[in-house]
Protein backbone atom coordinates (compact mmCIF):
# COMPACT_ATOMS: atom_id res chain seq x y z
CA MET A 1 9.49 16.17 3.94
CA ARG A 2 8.23 12.46 2.76
CA LYS A 3 8.55 11.15 0.04
CA PRO A 4 5.41 10.65 -1.64
CA LEU A 5 4.56 6.83 -2.23
CA VAL A 6 2.35 5.51 -5.43
CA ALA A 7 1.78 1.83 -5.43
CA GLY A 8 -0.82 0.73 -7.81
CA ASN A 9 -2.69 -2.96 -6.64
CA TRP A 10 -3.37 -4.93 -9.62
CA LYS A 11 -4.95 -7.77 -7.34
CA MET A 12 -6.63 -10.29 -9.38
CA ASN A 13 -6.00 -9.26 -13.33
CA LYS A 14 -3.50 -9.21 -15.91
CA THR A 15 -1.91 -12.69 -17.65
CA ILE A 16 2.06 -12.66 -18.06
CA ALA A 17 1.22 -11.38 -21.57
CA GLU A 18 -0.79 -9.16 -20.44
CA THR A 19 1.82 -7.72 -17.30
CA ARG A 20 4.44 -7.22 -20.21
CA ASP A 21 2.45 -5.25 -22.43
CA LEU A 22 1.21 -3.10 -19.63
CA VAL A 23 4.43 -2.56 -17.65
CA PHE A 24 6.54 -1.46 -20.21
CA THR A 25 3.63 0.47 -21.67
CA MET A 26 3.47 2.34 -18.36
CA SER A 27 7.02 2.15 -17.30
CA MET A 28 7.81 4.61 -19.94
CA LYS A 29 6.20 7.29 -18.51
CA LEU A 30 6.48 6.65 -15.27
CA ARG A 31 10.57 6.24 -15.61
CA LYS A 32 9.71 10.68 -15.86
CA ILE A 33 8.53 11.53 -13.22
CA GLU A 34 10.68 12.35 -10.57
CA GLY A 35 10.38 12.71 -7.09
CA VAL A 36 7.44 10.26 -6.22
CA GLU A 37 8.18 6.87 -5.39
CA LYS A 38 6.59 4.18 -8.07
CA VAL A 39 5.35 0.85 -7.15
CA ILE A 40 3.74 -1.80 -8.93
CA CYS A 41 2.11 -4.76 -7.50
CA PRO A 42 1.33 -7.43 -9.54
CA PRO A 43 -0.08 -11.51 -9.13
CA PHE A 44 2.44 -13.29 -8.23
CA VAL A 45 3.01 -15.38 -11.74
CA SER A 46 3.50 -11.92 -13.17
CA LEU A 47 6.26 -11.31 -10.84
CA MET A 48 9.64 -12.42 -12.86
CA ALA A 49 8.08 -10.83 -15.73
CA ALA A 50 7.79 -7.28 -14.33
CA SER A 51 11.02 -7.58 -12.07
CA ALA A 52 13.14 -8.12 -15.29
CA LEU A 53 11.40 -5.23 -17.39
CA LEU A 54 11.26 -3.31 -14.35
CA GLU A 55 15.13 -3.60 -13.99
CA GLY A 56 17.10 0.33 -13.63
CA SER A 57 13.74 1.88 -14.28
CA GLY A 58 13.68 2.79 -10.41
CA ILE A 59 9.91 1.73 -10.35
CA GLY A 60 9.46 -0.72 -8.07
CA LEU A 61 7.63 -3.68 -7.35
CA GLY A 62 5.35 -5.52 -4.51
CA ALA A 63 3.98 -8.10 -4.25
CA GLN A 64 0.24 -8.49 -2.70
CA ASN A 65 0.67 -11.47 -0.07
CA MET A 66 2.67 -13.59 1.69
CA HIS A 67 2.90 -16.37 4.39
CA TRP A 68 4.76 -15.22 7.91
CA GLU A 69 6.53 -18.49 7.36
CA GLU A 70 10.04 -19.27 5.88
CA LYS A 71 8.69 -22.11 4.12
CA GLY A 72 7.27 -25.69 4.87
CA ALA A 73 3.80 -27.76 4.68
CA PHE A 74 2.07 -24.72 3.48
CA THR A 75 0.29 -25.79 -0.15
CA GLY A 76 -0.56 -22.18 -2.19
CA GLU A 77 1.03 -20.31 -0.27
CA VAL A 78 4.76 -17.73 -1.13
CA ALA A 79 6.50 -17.14 1.82
CA PRO A 80 8.88 -13.92 2.48
CA GLY A 81 12.41 -14.72 0.36
CA MET A 82 10.51 -16.59 -1.74
CA LEU A 83 9.68 -12.62 -2.57
CA LYS A 84 12.41 -11.15 -1.48
CA GLU A 85 14.56 -12.29 -4.70
CA LEU A 86 11.39 -10.50 -6.98
CA CYS A 87 10.33 -7.46 -5.06
CA SER A 88 10.99 -5.28 -2.18
CA TYR A 89 7.46 -4.75 -1.12
CA VAL A 90 4.32 -6.35 -0.22
CA ILE A 91 1.31 -5.78 0.66
CA LEU A 92 0.07 -6.69 4.05
CA GLY A 93 -3.76 -7.26 5.51
CA HIS A 94 -5.80 -5.61 2.65
CA SER A 95 -9.24 -5.33 3.23
CA GLU A 96 -10.17 -8.59 0.66
CA ARG A 97 -7.58 -10.91 2.73
CA ARG A 98 -9.56 -10.23 5.28
CA THR A 99 -13.44 -9.97 4.51
CA TYR A 100 -12.65 -13.68 1.85
CA PHE A 101 -9.25 -15.24 3.37
CA GLY A 102 -10.12 -14.50 6.84
CA GLU A 103 -7.00 -12.94 7.66
CA THR A 104 -7.09 -10.80 11.50
CA ASP A 105 -4.80 -8.75 13.01
CA GLU A 106 -2.36 -11.52 14.34
CA THR A 107 -1.88 -12.77 11.02
CA VAL A 108 -1.60 -9.48 9.29
CA ASN A 109 0.99 -8.67 12.60
CA LYS A 110 2.80 -12.29 12.13
CA LYS A 111 3.23 -11.34 8.14
CA VAL A 112 4.89 -7.87 9.19
CA LEU A 113 7.35 -9.16 11.56
CA ALA A 114 8.14 -11.67 8.89
CA ALA A 115 8.70 -8.58 6.21
CA GLN A 116 11.14 -7.05 9.12
CA LYS A 117 12.77 -10.21 9.51
CA ALA A 118 13.26 -10.74 5.55
CA GLY A 119 13.68 -7.22 4.37
CA LEU A 120 10.77 -6.59 2.76
CA THR A 121 9.02 -3.19 2.88
CA PRO A 122 5.24 -4.02 4.09
CA ILE A 123 1.85 -2.06 2.56
CA VAL A 124 -0.25 -2.25 5.64
CA CYS A 125 -3.47 -1.77 5.33
CA VAL A 126 -6.27 -0.51 7.78
CA GLY A 127 -9.79 0.53 7.19
CA GLU A 128 -13.33 0.49 8.42
CA THR A 129 -16.44 -1.51 7.11
CA LEU A 130 -18.98 0.92 5.75
CA ALA A 131 -21.20 -0.43 9.26
CA GLN A 132 -18.09 0.44 11.49
CA TYR A 133 -18.19 3.60 9.93
CA GLU A 134 -21.82 4.66 10.01
CA ALA A 135 -21.46 3.75 13.34
CA GLY A 136 -18.96 6.21 14.13
CA GLN A 137 -16.69 3.74 14.91
CA THR A 138 -13.65 4.78 12.07
CA SER A 139 -11.23 5.98 14.95
CA ASP A 140 -11.21 2.65 16.83
CA VAL A 141 -11.10 0.44 13.94
CA VAL A 142 -8.51 1.88 12.82
CA SER A 143 -5.83 2.37 15.93
CA THR A 144 -6.82 -1.05 16.36
CA GLN A 145 -5.66 -2.77 13.22
CA THR A 146 -3.22 -0.48 13.18
CA ARG A 147 -1.51 -1.04 17.06
CA ALA A 148 -2.49 -4.61 16.55
CA GLY A 149 -0.94 -5.71 12.72
CA LEU A 150 2.54 -3.26 13.87
CA GLN A 151 3.26 -4.84 17.36
CA GLY A 152 6.78 -5.76 18.03
CA ALA A 153 8.72 -4.21 15.10
CA THR A 154 11.23 -2.21 15.81
CA SER A 155 12.04 1.40 16.08
CA ASP A 156 14.36 1.30 12.92
CA PHE A 157 11.99 -1.15 10.50
CA ALA A 158 9.11 1.13 11.65
CA SER A 159 9.84 4.27 9.96
CA LYS A 160 10.80 1.52 6.60
CA ILE A 161 6.84 0.45 6.92
CA VAL A 162 3.93 2.29 4.81
CA VAL A 163 0.60 2.27 6.36
CA ALA A 164 -2.74 2.62 3.75
CA TYR A 165 -5.93 3.36 4.87
CA GLU A 166 -8.45 2.07 3.03
CA PRO A 167 -12.29 2.49 4.11
CA VAL A 168 -13.99 -0.34 2.75
CA TRP A 169 -16.77 1.41 2.05
CA ALA A 170 -14.73 3.26 -0.80
CA ILE A 171 -13.26 0.14 -2.87
CA GLY A 172 -14.21 -0.34 -5.95
CA THR A 173 -17.05 1.81 -5.67
CA GLY A 174 -16.18 4.73 -6.67
CA LYS A 175 -17.34 6.41 -3.63
CA ALA A 176 -14.53 7.89 -1.88
CA SER A 177 -13.37 10.00 1.25
CA SER A 178 -13.40 13.20 1.39
CA ALA A 179 -10.10 14.88 1.66
CA GLU A 180 -10.93 16.33 4.71
CA ASN A 181 -12.28 13.15 6.78
CA ALA A 182 -9.47 10.90 4.90
CA GLN A 183 -6.86 13.42 7.29
CA ALA A 184 -8.53 13.50 10.30
CA VAL A 185 -7.66 9.17 9.65
CA HIS A 186 -4.51 10.20 8.56
CA ALA A 187 -3.76 12.15 11.19
CA GLY A 188 -5.20 9.64 14.40
CA ILE A 189 -3.25 6.91 12.59
CA ARG A 190 0.25 9.12 12.80
CA GLN A 191 -0.51 10.05 16.45
CA VAL A 192 -1.44 6.12 17.27
CA LEU A 193 2.32 5.26 15.44
CA SER A 194 3.69 8.36 17.48
CA GLU A 195 2.91 6.65 20.51
CA MET A 196 4.29 3.28 19.15
CA PHE A 197 7.63 4.20 18.08
CA GLY A 198 8.01 8.22 19.68
CA LYS A 199 7.26 11.58 17.51
CA GLU A 200 10.01 10.85 15.11
CA THR A 201 9.68 7.40 13.14
CA ALA A 202 5.98 8.60 13.11
CA GLN A 203 6.85 11.47 11.01
CA ALA A 204 8.76 9.27 8.87
CA ILE A 205 6.74 6.39 8.25
CA ARG A 206 4.37 7.02 4.80
CA ILE A 207 0.79 6.90 4.82
CA LEU A 208 -1.54 5.99 2.28
CA TYR A 209 -5.05 6.17 1.53
CA GLY A 210 -6.67 4.36 -0.95
CA GLY A 211 -10.72 3.62 -2.54
CA SER A 212 -11.17 4.76 -5.40
CA VAL A 213 -8.69 6.90 -6.06
CA THR A 214 -8.89 8.92 -9.72
CA ALA A 215 -6.39 11.16 -11.46
CA SER A 216 -9.98 13.39 -11.05
CA ASN A 217 -9.82 13.71 -7.41
CA ALA A 218 -5.73 12.80 -6.17
CA ALA A 219 -5.49 16.27 -5.79
CA GLU A 220 -7.41 16.99 -3.69
CA PHE A 221 -6.30 14.23 -0.93
CA PHE A 222 -2.41 14.80 -1.45
CA SER A 223 -2.52 18.30 -0.61
CA GLN A 224 -3.36 17.30 3.10
CA ALA A 225 -0.55 16.96 5.49
CA ASP A 226 -0.96 13.66 6.80
CA ILE A 227 -2.19 11.95 3.06
CA ASP A 228 1.70 11.10 1.70
CA GLY A 229 0.14 8.96 -1.23
CA ALA A 230 -1.87 6.44 -2.86
CA LEU A 231 -2.33 2.36 -2.57
CA VAL A 232 -4.49 2.42 -6.03
CA GLY A 233 -6.55 -0.84 -7.39
CA GLY A 234 -8.80 -0.37 -10.18
CA ALA A 235 -6.93 2.82 -11.85
CA SER A 236 -3.13 1.05 -11.72
CA LEU A 237 -4.67 -0.96 -14.63
CA LYS A 238 -5.08 1.84 -16.81
CA VAL A 239 -1.97 3.80 -17.85
CA ASP A 240 -3.58 7.28 -17.86
CA ASP A 241 -5.31 6.80 -14.91
CA PHE A 242 -2.42 5.89 -13.36
CA VAL A 243 0.45 7.99 -14.23
CA GLY A 244 -2.33 10.80 -13.64
CA ILE A 245 -2.45 9.89 -10.45
CA VAL A 246 1.76 10.26 -9.92
CA SER A 247 2.31 13.34 -11.55
CA GLN A 248 -0.81 14.89 -9.07
CA SER A 249 0.88 13.77 -6.41
CA LYS A 250 4.46 14.90 -7.38
CA VAL A 251 2.36 18.87 -8.29
CA ALA A 252 0.81 18.53 -4.71
CA LYS A 253 4.05 17.88 -2.38
CA GLY A 254 5.62 20.29 -4.17
CA GLU A 255 8.25 17.36 -5.34
């Protein structure tokens, strides 16, 4: 059985001081929940502070992005090796990166392969826009993003990759996908993964749902066969909300 995973994407929120306060309070409650992999992804500047507080807690730490080159003249960028000293996970291809910063399936793929080389676990985001959703293009868009983003990954590494399905129209809008719709998309992603890496590897890969996940609707998503957890945005900045979502994952998956 795939171990459920719940990751909190803090986006561009919280100073270093605020990060210390939130991590300290949140980690006390998260430590008590077993059977669920928990990951916190604060801004780059707060990774060191969070890392010190999370040491020995069993709670994972992740970054929100990285460059694909090991080093060089890339002002403002952060290399995989720099992250490796502080965290184990990295979010790649989030829709906000694609929308506001021009990331493409090609650049996401470069980052996935860089994560493979560095030994980082990528949380690779895929998802359709509202226009694509309304045009009935969800399956095609998500399949294309998945294939292009993970192209060239080895089967051994693929089993460690985490895929996050985040319908763009549901992120931060309060309008979540239905659990049944999300399950159908997740099943389609797993089929693509099976075609790329084989059925056994595909069954090992965790696929998360993201997009207005709350403590009140999390259980409905987590009860679905192919939904293995969540990538949480705004709710991950609120202790009780995030802890509640993690707890629902444990209950729904029978861990």
